[in-house]
Amino acid sequence: MLRKLVVFGLAMTFSSVAFADKPDSWITTKTKLDLWTTSGVDSTEIDVDTIDGNVTLHGKVETAAAREKAEAEARKIDGVKSVRNLIAVVPDWREKAVKKTDKEIKESLENAFKTDDVIKDSGIEVRTVNGGIVLLGGKADNLEEQWHAVRTARATPGVVRVATEIKMPDGERYTDSDSKMRRSGKTSRTMHDGWTTTDVKMRLIADANVPALDVNVDTRDGVVKLFGNVPSDAAKRAAEKDALKVEGVTRVENDLRVVAGSGMKYAKKDDKKVEKDVKQAIDKNEGLSDVKVDVKGGVAHLTGDVSSRYKRLQASIAARSIPGVKAVSNDLEIKNKND
């Protein structure tokens, strides 16, 4: 019998809240990991995005009970302010599981872990396989490693669910330095998907034709999923074009719904007043106090240095959320790239 499990999680987006709170990237991955490992939900067809602590769920499950449980699990995550549930109930959508013995599954997954650059030296292990349910244990250095291990296990033929007892020496640590991860050699498809999501959001925020904070983004293996509401077909097409411009994007699944009257309304305001409001919003976030702001014609131009691409996104989201800002031009430089 599998005993009660302590589940940890990870992923990539950023919030306009202070970093003393949980960053959006942490919330997104923690939510994904819990949904993928919770009995009664465990659907790999659920997309998750977080903006300023507000979580949006999108995808499909087989029952209304699973839909409700997914929302309840998301609300439990530390730092979540609200949950918008766009999950559709589609009975019998799930593909038939590949028939494999537990021994075959365990051997296949152990071999995959041994050859995976992210997992092989991480201390993560396959503890048991029982009826297609995989239990992972051991230790990981950070949340990125945990998520990559769960994702790898879930993709293994014959696996019906993944549970985890993976622990970290100093608790649930989020890695905010892309340069450190790259230098360590432990970058994965999962990591690159997170960076892709961040870059897509940056382009959306820079586009005055897209209500960027109402467009949700999730990426899997280079395929970008867009979901949420936009006010017009033109906005929907513009968002897709923005996503396709990002390096690493192989395809865009555009599930944006056109809802008349949706999206943030741009109200023309005095640029100097807007500039002051934007600066105050950005300064509330740790590590962004040196960002300089210039607003002209409703476009907020950001300059200065930040520590990572996620900080760049955090500053952009904070700026775009201010009434009177119709787009953000982000020229922030990432400093200490070799740290």
Foldseek 3Di string as FASTA:
>chain_A
DDDDADDAWFFAAAELAAVVFPGQRRLQTRLVRCQCAPPLRNDPQWHWGDYNLEIEIEGEDADPSNQVVSLVSSVPDGSHDYYHRHYDHDHPPDDDAADDDQVVLQVVLVVVQCPQPQRNPAQKHFDGADQLETEIEGEGAANVSVSVSLVSSVPGGSHPGYGYRYAYPVGHDYDFFPLVCVVVVNDDLRNVQNVLQLQLLQLQQQDLLELSVQWGWGGDQQEIEIEGETADPSNLVVSLVSSVVGPSRPYYHRHYHHDHPDGDDADADDQVVLLVQLLVSNCSYPQRNQWHWGGDQQEIEIEEEGAHSNNQSSSSSSSSPGHSHSHYHYPYHHPPSND
